[in-house]
């Protein structure tokens, strides 16, 4: 092994915090050198121009690798980005190794040992003639291409170490020489300037995205959506902004733990409804308003659920406003993914605070709307009782009196039927009054009764009572989570029928004997009408909500022809496992 030359081991010319001055100093250092090096200056200038083009950080790193390899005549080049704690590498960008070879090699270097680790702890130019003979070398993993010569140069951004530029294997088989060292050091200085610009651009773009996401969440929450849909919006936006594998929202439960109430993920996860027990130290910290950051959820001893086995870095952020913890926002990344940076953690924490404030404002808005609805329902109930029922009762008495005075049998029979119908109508109105006067805490627990309650409540704005039919042991087999979502789906379907269908007849069927496509037993809700159907190009946000709600439970939702003449109207189907 040949020892590094004095010039190679000397401090780099970019020790100053001014990158422009550093570049000028590095360029001046080329003066007075050999004609061979001077002849390569145009190539260096072209390389510097290439490195400075573009603002996207990862693209800039790729361009630096390719330019450095071409400038020094190296077969392979890489940049190791030093982690924030300075103990290893957070990113490793390379050129010269094809994807198939990279897959066979497997895990990228982490910089904790070997020459790459030495460069992290001693960031200075390093030139090695034979890697295998250097005592600091730890060898290569299986399937790694052979590498003998090595040149490492630190990259500084605004005076701070950003990472190191590595070059290996001169194409002509020779060692890296003094000319290569000078050229690559100047290129590293220019790379630091380009990386600094790219980082500023990326940080500004990232902040803009998080701000836009916060605005989108606030707008969605204050637009009148129900609570579950609002939480789904928070989960979806957080997943997108954090570039994570999933977005998860948890709310405190009655047992002191937290329940997963909203999940946004490309893959079905089965998380919805899962409860994290209060024994978890993480839950204690979150309920106290503290953020929790995990480097690897799959191996962290504080995680008590099996759901974390597929995840690596995780951010757990309390949704709190004015000292009140409303829930938790979780954004996990896949195992092996890059950890969350300090900037991402800060932006995500601010997003969670904004989302919590928007949730609180939306909750207050819904409370005001709910109070107005309850007041209106009380007024309607009083009017139905004091006016409608009294008039119907008086009309029934008049008909009964007319029936007694009539001597025509047909008239007596017809009037008697009319009186019976009035009695039935009065009973149905009284049922509707009872439903109107019930508060949310008084909702009955049986699914069948809750379905009837929704149907009776819908009868008031519809002007008629939808028919209903139950199949199978609805009350005994359908679980609470599925039942709660089925009631929400029924309410959405009846609301859509009232607002858009202009129907004269609606039929509700709840079938608890369904076998789903995957073989599971499930329950199916069908709401059919004889209305105008769904217009082409019309809004389908309600149908999308139904489908998303069903898919979160492992089910599905769709619509088809209704019960009108020749299939007129619409039939909305919603189904999910028990």
Protein backbone atom coordinates (compact mmCIF):
# COMPACT_ATOMS: atom_id res chain seq x y z
CA UNK A 1 0.00 0.00 0.00
CA UNK A 2 1.29 3.44 -0.83
CA UNK A 3 0.86 6.12 1.80
CA UNK A 4 -1.20 9.17 1.00
CA UNK A 5 0.84 12.03 -0.33
CA UNK A 6 1.32 15.20 1.67
CA UNK A 7 -0.85 17.15 -0.67
CA UNK A 8 -3.53 14.49 -0.54
CA UNK A 9 -3.62 14.48 3.25
CA UNK A 10 -3.48 18.25 3.69
CA UNK A 11 -6.61 20.12 4.77
CA UNK A 12 -9.00 20.71 1.91
CA UNK A 13 -9.18 24.17 0.39
CA UNK A 14 -12.80 24.58 1.44
CA UNK A 15 -12.36 25.15 5.16
CA UNK A 16 -13.84 28.62 4.90
CA UNK A 17 -17.51 29.10 5.48
CA UNK A 18 -17.81 31.18 2.28
CA UNK A 19 -18.33 28.67 -0.60
CA UNK A 20 -17.55 31.24 -3.32
CA UNK A 21 -14.27 32.17 -1.68
CA UNK A 22 -13.50 28.50 -1.19
CA UNK A 23 -14.06 27.83 -4.88
CA UNK A 24 -11.78 30.73 -5.87
CA UNK A 25 -9.11 29.54 -3.44
CA UNK A 26 -9.32 26.01 -4.79
CA UNK A 27 -9.05 27.27 -8.36
CA UNK A 28 -6.03 29.46 -7.50
CA UNK A 29 -4.33 26.41 -6.08
CA UNK A 30 -4.18 25.04 -9.63
CA UNK A 31 -1.94 27.89 -10.76
CA UNK A 32 1.66 26.98 -11.28
CA UNK A 33 0.93 23.30 -11.62
CA UNK A 34 2.03 21.09 -14.47
CA UNK A 35 0.87 21.55 -18.07
CA UNK A 36 -0.99 18.22 -17.75
CA UNK A 37 -3.17 19.58 -14.98
CA UNK A 38 -3.60 22.91 -16.70
CA UNK A 39 -4.78 21.10 -19.84
CA UNK A 40 -7.53 19.46 -17.76
CA UNK A 41 -8.89 22.76 -16.44
CA UNK A 42 -11.50 23.12 -19.26
CA UNK A 43 -12.74 19.65 -18.38
CA UNK A 44 -12.91 20.72 -14.73
CA UNK A 45 -14.84 23.87 -15.57
CA UNK A 46 -17.32 21.87 -17.64
CA UNK A 47 -17.66 19.44 -14.72
CA UNK A 48 -18.32 22.33 -12.33
CA UNK A 49 -20.95 23.73 -14.68
CA UNK A 50 -22.63 20.33 -14.87
CA UNK A 51 -22.64 19.89 -11.10
CA UNK A 52 -24.23 23.31 -10.56
CA UNK A 53 -27.17 22.62 -12.88
CA UNK A 54 -30.49 21.68 -11.26
CA UNK A 55 -31.92 22.06 -7.78
CA UNK A 56 -33.34 18.67 -6.80
CA UNK A 57 -31.03 17.24 -4.12
CA UNK A 58 -30.89 13.57 -5.07
CA UNK A 59 -30.52 14.42 -8.75
CA UNK A 60 -27.67 16.75 -7.81
CA UNK A 61 -25.93 13.96 -5.88
CA UNK A 62 -26.29 11.60 -8.85
CA UNK A 63 -24.83 14.24 -11.16
CA UNK A 64 -21.87 14.85 -8.82
CA UNK A 65 -21.06 11.13 -8.77
CA UNK A 66 -21.18 10.79 -12.55
CA UNK A 67 -19.17 13.98 -13.11
CA UNK A 68 -16.49 13.05 -10.56
CA UNK A 69 -16.06 9.58 -12.07
CA UNK A 70 -15.67 11.04 -15.55
CA UNK A 71 -13.27 13.76 -14.37
CA UNK A 72 -10.95 11.37 -12.51
CA UNK A 73 -11.31 8.46 -14.94
CA UNK A 74 -12.80 6.25 -12.22
CA UNK A 75 -15.00 3.24 -12.82
CA UNK A 76 -17.04 3.73 -9.65
CA UNK A 77 -18.09 6.81 -7.65
CA UNK A 78 -20.31 7.35 -4.64
CA UNK A 79 -21.36 9.96 -2.11
CA UNK A 80 -21.97 9.00 1.48
CA UNK A 81 -24.22 11.51 3.27
CA UNK A 82 -23.23 11.74 6.95
CA UNK A 83 -26.14 11.28 9.38
CA UNK A 84 -27.25 14.12 11.62
CA UNK A 85 -25.59 12.56 14.68
CA UNK A 86 -22.32 12.16 12.78
CA UNK A 87 -21.94 8.45 13.57
CA UNK A 88 -22.75 6.90 10.18
CA UNK A 89 -24.31 7.43 6.80
CA UNK A 90 -27.96 8.42 6.28
CA UNK A 91 -27.82 8.07 2.49
CA UNK A 92 -25.51 6.48 -0.08
CA UNK A 93 -25.66 7.50 -3.75
CA UNK A 94 -23.52 5.63 -6.27
CA UNK A 95 -22.76 5.19 -9.96
CA UNK A 96 -21.02 2.45 -11.92
CA UNK A 97 -22.85 -0.52 -10.34
CA UNK A 98 -25.92 -1.75 -12.20
CA UNK A 99 -29.21 -2.47 -10.42
CA UNK A 100 -28.92 -6.24 -10.70
CA UNK A 101 -25.50 -6.24 -9.01
CA UNK A 102 -26.74 -3.81 -6.36
CA UNK A 103 -29.65 -6.14 -5.54
CA UNK A 104 -27.26 -9.07 -5.14
CA UNK A 105 -25.01 -7.05 -2.84
CA UNK A 106 -27.96 -6.12 -0.66
CA UNK A 107 -27.71 -3.54 2.10
CA UNK A 108 -25.88 -0.29 1.37
CA UNK A 109 -22.88 0.78 3.50
CA UNK A 110 -23.79 2.44 6.80
CA UNK A 111 -20.40 4.06 7.46
CA UNK A 112 -19.98 2.56 10.92
CA UNK A 113 -16.69 0.84 10.08
CA UNK A 114 -13.96 0.53 7.45
CA UNK A 115 -12.52 3.35 5.38
CA UNK A 116 -15.94 4.98 5.03
CA UNK A 117 -16.19 5.19 8.80
CA UNK A 118 -12.66 6.55 9.03
CA UNK A 119 -13.53 9.36 6.63
CA UNK A 120 -16.56 10.27 8.76
CA UNK A 121 -14.46 10.64 11.92
CA UNK A 122 -11.47 12.20 10.12
CA UNK A 123 -12.89 14.20 7.21
CA UNK A 124 -9.79 14.77 5.11
CA UNK A 125 -8.64 13.77 1.64
CA UNK A 126 -7.57 10.13 1.58
CA UNK A 127 -5.79 8.33 -1.26
CA UNK A 128 -5.12 4.57 -1.08
CA UNK A 129 -3.27 2.51 -3.68
CA UNK A 130 -4.60 -0.89 -2.52
CA UNK A 131 -7.75 -1.20 -0.43
CA UNK A 132 -7.05 -4.81 0.50
CA UNK A 133 -3.77 -3.82 2.14
CA UNK A 134 -5.13 -0.95 4.21
CA UNK A 135 -5.66 -1.97 7.89
CA UNK A 136 -8.78 0.24 8.09
CA UNK A 137 -10.50 -1.67 5.30
CA UNK A 138 -13.15 -4.19 6.38
CA UNK A 139 -13.50 -5.92 3.00
CA UNK A 140 -16.47 -6.15 0.66
CA UNK A 141 -19.73 -8.10 0.93
CA UNK A 142 -20.51 -11.01 -1.38
CA UNK A 143 -21.16 -10.19 -5.07
CA UNK A 144 -19.40 -6.81 -4.69
CA UNK A 145 -17.17 -5.94 -7.70
CA UNK A 146 -13.42 -5.88 -6.96
CA UNK A 147 -11.95 -2.47 -6.08
CA UNK A 148 -8.30 -1.67 -5.50
CA UNK A 149 -7.51 2.03 -5.77
CA UNK A 150 -9.44 4.57 -3.70
CA UNK A 151 -9.78 8.33 -3.41
CA UNK A 152 -11.97 9.95 -0.77
CA UNK A 153 -12.66 13.68 -0.50
CA UNK A 154 -14.93 15.39 2.07
CA UNK A 155 -17.80 17.60 0.88
CA UNK A 156 -18.55 20.64 3.02
CA UNK A 157 -21.73 22.68 2.85
CA UNK A 158 -21.43 26.12 4.44
CA UNK A 159 -18.46 24.97 6.46
CA UNK A 160 -20.17 21.83 7.82
CA UNK A 161 -19.37 18.30 6.72
CA UNK A 162 -22.20 17.06 4.47
CA UNK A 163 -20.59 13.80 3.38
CA UNK A 164 -17.74 12.29 1.44
CA UNK A 165 -17.09 11.71 -2.25
CA UNK A 166 -15.56 8.29 -2.98
CA UNK A 167 -13.83 7.22 -6.21
CA UNK A 168 -12.45 3.74 -6.90
CA UNK A 169 -10.79 1.84 -9.73
CA UNK A 170 -9.02 4.05 -12.28
CA UNK A 171 -10.08 2.85 -15.72
CA UNK A 172 -6.48 2.62 -16.94
CA UNK A 173 -5.47 0.48 -13.95
CA UNK A 174 -3.17 3.16 -12.55
CA UNK A 175 -3.30 4.79 -9.14
CA UNK A 176 -5.07 8.07 -8.48
CA UNK A 177 -2.42 10.80 -8.82
CA UNK A 178 -1.88 14.34 -7.58
CA UNK A 179 -3.79 15.76 -10.55
CA UNK A 180 -6.83 13.65 -9.70
CA UNK A 181 -6.67 14.82 -6.08
CA UNK A 182 -6.59 18.52 -7.02
CA UNK A 183 -9.36 18.19 -9.59
CA UNK A 184 -11.66 16.21 -7.32
CA UNK A 185 -11.09 18.59 -4.40
CA UNK A 186 -12.10 21.55 -6.54
CA UNK A 187 -15.11 19.59 -7.77
CA UNK A 188 -16.02 18.73 -4.16
CA UNK A 189 -15.99 22.43 -3.30
CA UNK A 190 -18.33 23.20 -6.19
CA UNK A 191 -20.43 20.19 -5.16
CA UNK A 192 -20.81 21.70 -1.68
CA UNK A 193 -22.17 24.90 -3.21
CA UNK A 194 -24.58 22.96 -5.45
CA UNK A 195 -25.72 20.76 -2.57
CA UNK A 196 -26.28 23.82 -0.37
CA UNK A 197 -28.49 25.38 -3.03
CA UNK A 198 -30.35 22.11 -3.55
CA UNK A 199 -30.94 21.72 0.19
CA UNK A 200 -32.32 25.25 0.46
CA UNK A 201 -34.63 24.60 -2.47
CA UNK A 202 -35.72 21.25 -1.07
CA UNK A 203 -36.37 22.74 2.36
CA UNK A 204 -38.47 25.55 0.87
CA UNK A 205 -40.41 23.10 -1.31
CA UNK A 206 -40.94 20.77 1.64
CA UNK A 207 -42.27 23.56 3.86
CA UNK A 208 -44.59 24.67 1.06
CA UNK A 209 -45.98 21.13 0.75
CA UNK A 210 -46.61 20.85 4.50
CA UNK A 211 -48.28 24.26 4.57
CA UNK A 212 -50.49 23.29 1.64
CA UNK A 213 -51.32 20.03 3.43
CA UNK A 214 -52.30 21.90 6.60
CA UNK A 215 -54.55 24.19 4.57
CA UNK A 216 -56.15 21.18 2.85
CA UNK A 217 -56.83 19.51 6.20
CA UNK A 218 -58.29 22.68 7.71
CA UNK A 219 -60.51 23.24 4.69
CA UNK A 220 -61.72 19.62 4.71
CA UNK A 221 -62.42 19.62 8.44
CA UNK A 222 -64.38 22.87 8.36
CA UNK A 223 -66.38 21.96 5.27
CA UNK A 224 -68.97 20.05 7.26
CA UNK A 225 -67.61 16.49 6.96
CA UNK A 226 -68.43 14.03 9.72
CA UNK A 227 -65.83 13.23 12.36
CA UNK A 228 -64.70 9.92 10.85
CA UNK A 229 -64.21 11.43 7.41
CA UNK A 230 -62.28 14.31 8.96
CA UNK A 231 -59.87 11.92 10.68
CA UNK A 232 -59.45 10.02 7.41
CA UNK A 233 -58.43 13.28 5.72
CA UNK A 234 -55.79 13.90 8.42
CA UNK A 235 -54.38 10.37 7.97
CA UNK A 236 -54.26 10.64 4.18
CA UNK A 237 -52.57 14.05 4.14
CA UNK A 238 -50.01 13.02 6.76
CA UNK A 239 -49.08 9.86 4.82
CA UNK A 240 -48.58 11.86 1.63
CA UNK A 241 -46.59 14.68 3.22
CA UNK A 242 -44.33 12.48 5.36
CA UNK A 243 -43.67 10.09 2.47
CA UNK A 244 -44.61 7.24 4.79
CA UNK A 245 -46.09 3.81 4.22
CA UNK A 246 -49.25 4.67 6.15
CA UNK A 247 -51.06 7.44 7.97
CA UNK A 248 -52.79 6.40 11.18
CA UNK A 249 -54.97 8.31 13.66
CA UNK A 250 -55.66 7.00 17.16
CA UNK A 251 -58.14 8.33 19.72
CA UNK A 252 -58.22 7.65 23.49
CA UNK A 253 -60.54 4.83 24.53
CA UNK A 254 -62.45 4.19 27.74
CA UNK A 255 -59.79 1.80 29.09
CA UNK A 256 -56.97 4.38 29.09
CA UNK A 257 -55.36 3.13 25.86
CA UNK A 258 -55.83 4.29 22.29
CA UNK A 259 -57.91 2.92 19.42
CA UNK A 260 -57.01 3.16 15.73
CA UNK A 261 -59.93 5.01 14.14
CA UNK A 262 -58.52 6.05 10.73
CA UNK A 263 -55.97 4.43 8.42
CA UNK A 264 -54.58 5.56 5.07
CA UNK A 265 -52.49 2.91 3.32
CA UNK A 266 -52.02 1.45 -0.14
CA UNK A 267 -52.28 -2.07 1.26
CA UNK A 268 -55.10 -3.47 3.45
CA UNK A 269 -53.67 -3.61 6.95
CA UNK A 270 -56.47 -4.74 9.25
CA UNK A 271 -55.48 -1.99 11.71
CA UNK A 272 -58.84 -0.26 11.99
CA UNK A 273 -60.36 -0.85 15.40
CA UNK A 274 -57.15 -2.22 16.97
CA UNK A 275 -56.52 -0.96 20.50
CA UNK A 276 -53.10 -0.17 21.95
CA UNK A 277 -53.19 -1.02 25.69
CA UNK A 278 -52.51 1.65 28.35
CA UNK A 279 -49.55 -0.40 29.62
CA UNK A 280 -47.49 0.87 26.69
CA UNK A 281 -44.96 3.52 27.70
CA UNK A 282 -45.51 5.13 24.33
CA UNK A 283 -49.21 5.67 25.09
CA UNK A 284 -48.29 7.26 28.42
CA UNK A 285 -45.94 9.70 26.69
CA UNK A 286 -48.43 10.52 23.95
CA UNK A 287 -51.31 11.15 26.36
CA UNK A 288 -48.95 13.46 28.26
CA UNK A 289 -48.52 15.47 25.05
CA UNK A 290 -45.00 14.28 24.16
CA UNK A 291 -43.96 13.28 20.64
CA UNK A 292 -42.34 9.85 20.18
CA UNK A 293 -39.86 9.01 17.41
CA UNK A 294 -38.76 5.44 16.73
CA UNK A 295 -35.78 4.42 14.58
CA UNK A 296 -37.09 0.88 14.05
CA UNK A 297 -40.59 0.07 15.28
CA UNK A 298 -40.17 -3.65 14.57
CA UNK A 299 -37.41 -4.01 17.17
CA UNK A 300 -38.25 -1.25 19.67
CA UNK A 301 -39.14 -2.85 23.04
CA UNK A 302 -41.66 -0.11 23.82
CA UNK A 303 -43.98 -1.28 21.02
CA UNK A 304 -46.52 -3.82 22.33
CA UNK A 305 -48.50 -4.60 19.15
CA UNK A 306 -47.67 -6.92 16.26
CA UNK A 307 -48.70 -4.23 13.77
CA UNK A 308 -45.23 -2.67 13.99
CA UNK A 309 -43.37 -5.67 12.58
CA UNK A 310 -43.46 -4.30 9.01
CA UNK A 311 -42.31 -0.78 9.88
CA UNK A 312 -39.00 0.95 10.54
CA UNK A 313 -38.79 4.69 11.33
CA UNK A 314 -41.99 6.03 12.91
CA UNK A 315 -43.22 9.45 14.02
CA UNK A 316 -45.92 9.48 16.72
CA UNK A 317 -47.30 12.97 17.24
CA UNK A 318 -49.97 14.00 19.76
CA UNK A 319 -52.91 15.91 18.30
CA UNK A 320 -53.14 18.54 21.01
CA UNK A 321 -54.47 22.06 21.27
CA UNK A 322 -54.68 24.28 24.36
CA UNK A 323 -53.22 21.47 26.45
CA UNK A 324 -55.90 18.98 25.39
CA UNK A 325 -54.69 15.77 23.73
CA UNK A 326 -57.38 14.78 21.24
CA UNK A 327 -55.53 11.84 19.70
CA UNK A 328 -52.33 10.73 18.02
CA UNK A 329 -51.04 10.91 14.46
CA UNK A 330 -48.68 8.11 13.40
CA UNK A 331 -46.63 8.07 10.18
CA UNK A 332 -44.55 4.86 9.83
CA UNK A 333 -42.09 4.12 7.03
CA UNK A 334 -41.21 0.67 5.75
CA UNK A 335 -38.34 -1.26 7.32
CA UNK A 336 -35.01 -0.17 5.88
CA UNK A 337 -36.37 3.21 4.76
CA UNK A 338 -34.45 6.37 5.59
CA UNK A 339 -35.12 7.87 9.02
CA UNK A 340 -37.07 11.09 9.45
CA UNK A 341 -34.86 14.18 9.40
CA UNK A 342 -35.03 16.93 12.01
CA UNK A 343 -36.74 19.17 9.46
CA UNK A 344 -39.38 16.51 8.75
CA UNK A 345 -39.97 16.01 12.47
CA UNK A 346 -40.41 19.73 13.02
CA UNK A 347 -42.76 20.15 10.06
CA UNK A 348 -44.79 17.08 11.05
CA UNK A 349 -45.13 18.35 14.62
CA UNK A 350 -46.40 21.70 13.34
CA UNK A 351 -48.80 19.89 11.01
CA UNK A 352 -50.15 17.81 13.92
CA UNK A 353 -50.72 20.96 15.98
CA UNK A 354 -52.53 22.62 13.08
CA UNK A 355 -54.60 19.48 12.47
CA UNK A 356 -55.53 19.33 16.17
CA UNK A 357 -56.63 22.97 16.13
CA UNK A 358 -58.69 22.33 12.99
CA UNK A 359 -60.21 19.23 14.60
CA UNK A 360 -61.17 21.24 17.67
CA UNK A 361 -62.71 23.99 15.53
CA UNK A 362 -64.55 21.39 13.46
CA UNK A 363 -65.79 19.72 16.64
CA UNK A 364 -67.08 23.04 17.95
CA UNK A 365 -68.74 23.72 14.61
CA UNK A 366 -70.39 20.28 14.62
CA UNK A 367 -71.56 20.86 18.20
CA UNK A 368 -73.22 24.10 17.14
CA UNK A 369 -74.80 22.40 14.14
CA UNK A 370 -75.88 19.45 16.30
CA UNK A 371 -77.46 21.81 18.83
CA UNK A 372 -79.34 23.57 16.03
CA UNK A 373 -80.51 20.19 14.73
CA UNK A 374 -81.67 19.09 18.18
CA UNK A 375 -83.55 22.34 18.64
CA UNK A 376 -85.16 21.88 15.24
CA UNK A 377 -85.99 18.26 16.03
CA UNK A 378 -87.64 19.33 19.29
CA UNK A 379 -89.70 21.89 17.39
CA UNK A 380 -90.72 19.32 14.77
CA UNK A 381 -91.61 16.80 17.49
CA UNK A 382 -93.77 19.39 19.29
CA UNK A 383 -95.49 20.38 16.04
CA UNK A 384 -96.15 16.75 15.15
CA UNK A 385 -97.58 16.05 18.60
CA UNK A 386 -99.54 19.25 19.13
CA UNK A 387 -100.80 19.83 15.61
CA UNK A 388 -100.57 16.84 13.30
CA UNK A 389 -101.60 14.08 15.73
CA UNK A 390 -104.39 16.19 17.19
CA UNK A 391 -105.78 16.93 13.74
CA UNK A 392 -105.49 13.29 12.67
CA UNK A 393 -107.23 12.22 15.87
CA UNK A 394 -110.02 14.73 15.31
CA UNK A 395 -110.35 13.60 11.69
CA UNK A 396 -110.60 9.97 12.86
CA UNK A 397 -113.39 10.85 15.30
CA UNK A 398 -115.29 12.68 12.54
CA UNK A 399 -114.97 9.65 10.28
CA UNK A 400 -116.14 7.31 13.03
CA UNK A 401 -119.17 9.54 13.61
CA UNK A 402 -119.92 9.53 9.87
CA UNK A 403 -119.52 5.76 9.80
CA UNK A 404 -122.16 5.31 12.53
CA UNK A 405 -124.66 7.54 10.73
CA UNK A 406 -124.21 5.90 7.34
CA UNK A 407 -126.61 3.13 6.31
CA UNK A 408 -124.66 2.04 3.23
CA UNK A 409 -122.47 -1.01 4.05
CA UNK A 410 -119.86 -0.13 1.45
CA UNK A 411 -119.45 3.35 2.94
CA UNK A 412 -119.18 1.95 6.45
CA UNK A 413 -116.49 -0.50 5.33
CA UNK A 414 -114.51 2.17 3.47
CA UNK A 415 -114.66 4.65 6.31
CA UNK A 416 -113.59 1.93 8.76
CA UNK A 417 -110.51 1.18 6.67
CA UNK A 418 -109.68 4.89 6.54
CA UNK A 419 -109.96 5.12 10.33
CA UNK A 420 -107.64 2.10 10.72
CA UNK A 421 -105.10 3.72 8.39
CA UNK A 422 -105.26 6.90 10.45
CA UNK A 423 -104.58 4.89 13.61
CA UNK A 424 -101.51 3.31 11.97
CA UNK A 425 -100.35 6.71 10.78
CA UNK A 426 -100.71 8.16 14.28
CA UNK A 427 -98.61 5.29 15.71
CA UNK A 428 -95.88 5.85 13.10
CA UNK A 429 -95.79 9.58 13.82
CA UNK A 430 -95.48 8.84 17.53
CA UNK A 431 -92.54 6.53 16.76
CA UNK A 432 -90.97 9.32 14.72
CA UNK A 433 -91.51 11.76 17.60
CA UNK A 434 -89.80 9.34 19.98
CA UNK A 435 -86.83 9.04 17.59
CA UNK A 436 -86.60 12.81 17.20
CA UNK A 437 -86.51 13.27 20.97
CA UNK A 438 -83.72 10.73 21.51
CA UNK A 439 -80.20 12.02 22.06
CA UNK A 440 -77.07 10.23 20.84
CA UNK A 441 -76.41 8.76 24.30
CA UNK A 442 -79.85 7.17 24.26
CA UNK A 443 -79.28 5.24 21.06
CA UNK A 444 -80.29 1.62 21.55
CA UNK A 445 -77.58 -1.01 21.33
CA UNK A 446 -79.28 -3.56 19.07
CA UNK A 447 -78.38 -3.22 15.39
CA UNK A 448 -81.94 -4.00 14.30
CA UNK A 449 -83.31 -1.26 16.57
CA UNK A 450 -80.70 1.23 15.40
CA UNK A 451 -81.59 0.50 11.76
CA UNK A 452 -85.29 1.07 12.53
CA UNK A 453 -84.43 4.29 14.32
CA UNK A 454 -82.56 5.60 11.25
CA UNK A 455 -85.45 4.60 9.00
CA UNK A 456 -88.01 6.34 11.25
CA UNK A 457 -85.86 9.47 11.42
CA UNK A 458 -85.52 9.50 7.63
CA UNK A 459 -89.29 9.23 7.24
CA UNK A 460 -89.77 12.81 8.46
CA UNK A 461 -87.84 14.62 5.70
CA UNK A 462 -88.77 12.00 3.07
CA UNK A 463 -92.48 12.31 3.69
CA UNK A 464 -92.88 8.52 3.77
CA UNK A 465 -91.41 5.61 5.68
CA UNK A 466 -88.95 3.35 3.81
CA UNK A 467 -89.78 -0.33 3.91
CA UNK A 468 -87.31 -2.65 5.62
CA UNK A 469 -86.38 -6.31 5.77
CA UNK A 470 -83.90 -8.22 7.97
CA UNK A 471 -82.28 -11.53 7.02
CA UNK A 472 -80.43 -13.65 9.57
CA UNK A 473 -79.48 -13.01 13.22
CA UNK A 474 -78.57 -9.36 12.72
CA UNK A 475 -78.35 -8.46 16.42
CA UNK A 476 -76.22 -11.40 17.52
CA UNK A 477 -73.56 -11.89 14.82
CA UNK A 478 -72.67 -8.37 13.67
CA UNK A 479 -69.88 -6.85 15.77
CA UNK A 480 -69.93 -3.35 17.22
CA UNK A 481 -67.34 -1.89 14.80
CA UNK A 482 -69.07 -3.26 11.69
CA UNK A 483 -72.50 -2.34 13.09
CA UNK A 484 -71.41 1.24 13.78
CA UNK A 485 -70.11 1.62 10.23
CA UNK A 486 -73.23 -0.03 8.77
CA UNK A 487 -75.44 2.54 10.55
CA UNK A 488 -73.24 5.36 9.21
CA UNK A 489 -73.53 3.86 5.70
CA UNK A 490 -77.32 3.59 6.05
CA UNK A 491 -77.54 7.20 7.18
CA UNK A 492 -75.40 8.30 4.18
CA UNK A 493 -77.49 6.25 1.72
CA UNK A 494 -80.82 7.54 3.06
CA UNK A 495 -79.48 11.10 3.03
CA UNK A 496 -78.40 10.73 -0.60
CA UNK A 497 -81.81 9.32 -1.51
CA UNK A 498 -83.57 12.25 0.16
CA UNK A 499 -81.33 14.92 -1.42
CA UNK A 500 -80.90 13.54 -4.92
CA UNK A 501 -83.19 10.63 -5.78
CA UNK A 502 -86.68 12.27 -5.61
CA UNK A 503 -87.96 8.78 -4.86
CA UNK A 504 -91.48 7.67 -3.95
CA UNK A 505 -90.34 4.32 -2.57
CA UNK A 506 -87.22 3.20 -0.69
CA UNK A 507 -86.45 -0.33 0.46
CA UNK A 508 -83.81 -1.17 3.11
CA UNK A 509 -82.47 -4.73 3.44
CA UNK A 510 -79.95 -5.89 6.07
CA UNK A 511 -78.69 -9.42 5.33
CA UNK A 512 -76.45 -11.10 7.92
CA UNK A 513 -76.10 -14.38 5.98
CA UNK A 514 -73.77 -13.14 3.24
CA UNK A 515 -70.56 -14.93 2.24
CA UNK A 516 -68.03 -12.38 0.98
CA UNK A 517 -65.76 -13.00 -2.06
CA UNK A 518 -62.83 -13.94 0.22
CA UNK A 519 -64.95 -16.57 1.98
CA UNK A 520 -65.61 -14.60 5.16
CA UNK A 521 -69.06 -14.28 6.66
CA UNK A 522 -70.41 -10.76 6.47
CA UNK A 523 -73.38 -8.44 6.54
CA UNK A 524 -74.79 -6.64 3.50
CA UNK A 525 -76.83 -3.45 3.51
CA UNK A 526 -78.89 -2.65 0.40
CA UNK A 527 -80.76 0.65 0.04
CA UNK A 528 -82.87 0.73 -3.15
CA UNK A 529 -85.11 3.47 -4.52
CA UNK A 530 -87.26 4.20 -7.55
CA UNK A 531 -85.92 7.73 -8.07
CA UNK A 532 -84.15 9.48 -10.92
CA UNK A 533 -80.89 7.54 -10.61
CA UNK A 534 -77.35 8.91 -10.57
CA UNK A 535 -76.75 11.59 -13.18
CA UNK A 536 -73.75 11.26 -15.49
CA UNK A 537 -70.90 13.42 -14.27
CA UNK A 538 -72.66 14.13 -10.97
CA UNK A 539 -70.89 14.27 -7.60
CA UNK A 540 -70.12 10.92 -6.04
CA UNK A 541 -68.43 11.98 -2.81
CA UNK A 542 -71.06 10.15 -0.71
CA UNK A 543 -70.55 6.92 -2.65
CA UNK A 544 -66.78 7.26 -2.28
CA UNK A 545 -67.22 7.67 1.46
CA UNK A 546 -69.27 4.48 1.58
CA UNK A 547 -66.65 2.56 -0.39
CA UNK A 548 -63.77 3.84 1.72
CA UNK A 549 -65.62 2.96 4.91
CA UNK A 550 -66.30 -0.59 3.67
CA UNK A 551 -62.75 -1.14 2.40
CA UNK A 552 -61.29 -0.07 5.75
CA UNK A 553 -63.09 -3.08 7.24
CA UNK A 554 -62.14 -5.46 4.44
CA UNK A 555 -65.47 -5.10 2.60
CA UNK A 556 -66.74 -3.23 -0.47
CA UNK A 557 -69.51 -0.95 -1.71
CA UNK A 558 -71.06 -0.32 -5.11
CA UNK A 559 -74.29 0.81 -6.75
CA UNK A 560 -76.59 -0.48 -9.50
CA UNK A 561 -80.16 -0.34 -10.89
CA UNK A 562 -82.94 0.50 -8.47
CA UNK A 563 -86.46 -0.84 -7.86
CA UNK A 564 -88.28 1.49 -10.25
CA UNK A 565 -89.82 0.45 -13.54
CA UNK A 566 -87.22 -1.11 -15.89
CA UNK A 567 -84.55 -0.81 -13.20
CA UNK A 568 -85.14 2.89 -12.59
CA UNK A 569 -83.59 4.51 -9.55
CA UNK A 570 -80.52 3.36 -7.66
CA UNK A 571 -79.56 0.46 -5.40
CA UNK A 572 -76.60 1.16 -3.09
CA UNK A 573 -74.91 -1.96 -1.67
CA UNK A 574 -72.52 -1.90 1.32
CA UNK A 575 -70.99 -5.00 2.84
CA UNK A 576 -68.26 -5.91 5.32
CA UNK A 577 -67.12 -8.87 7.46
CA UNK A 578 -68.70 -9.29 10.89
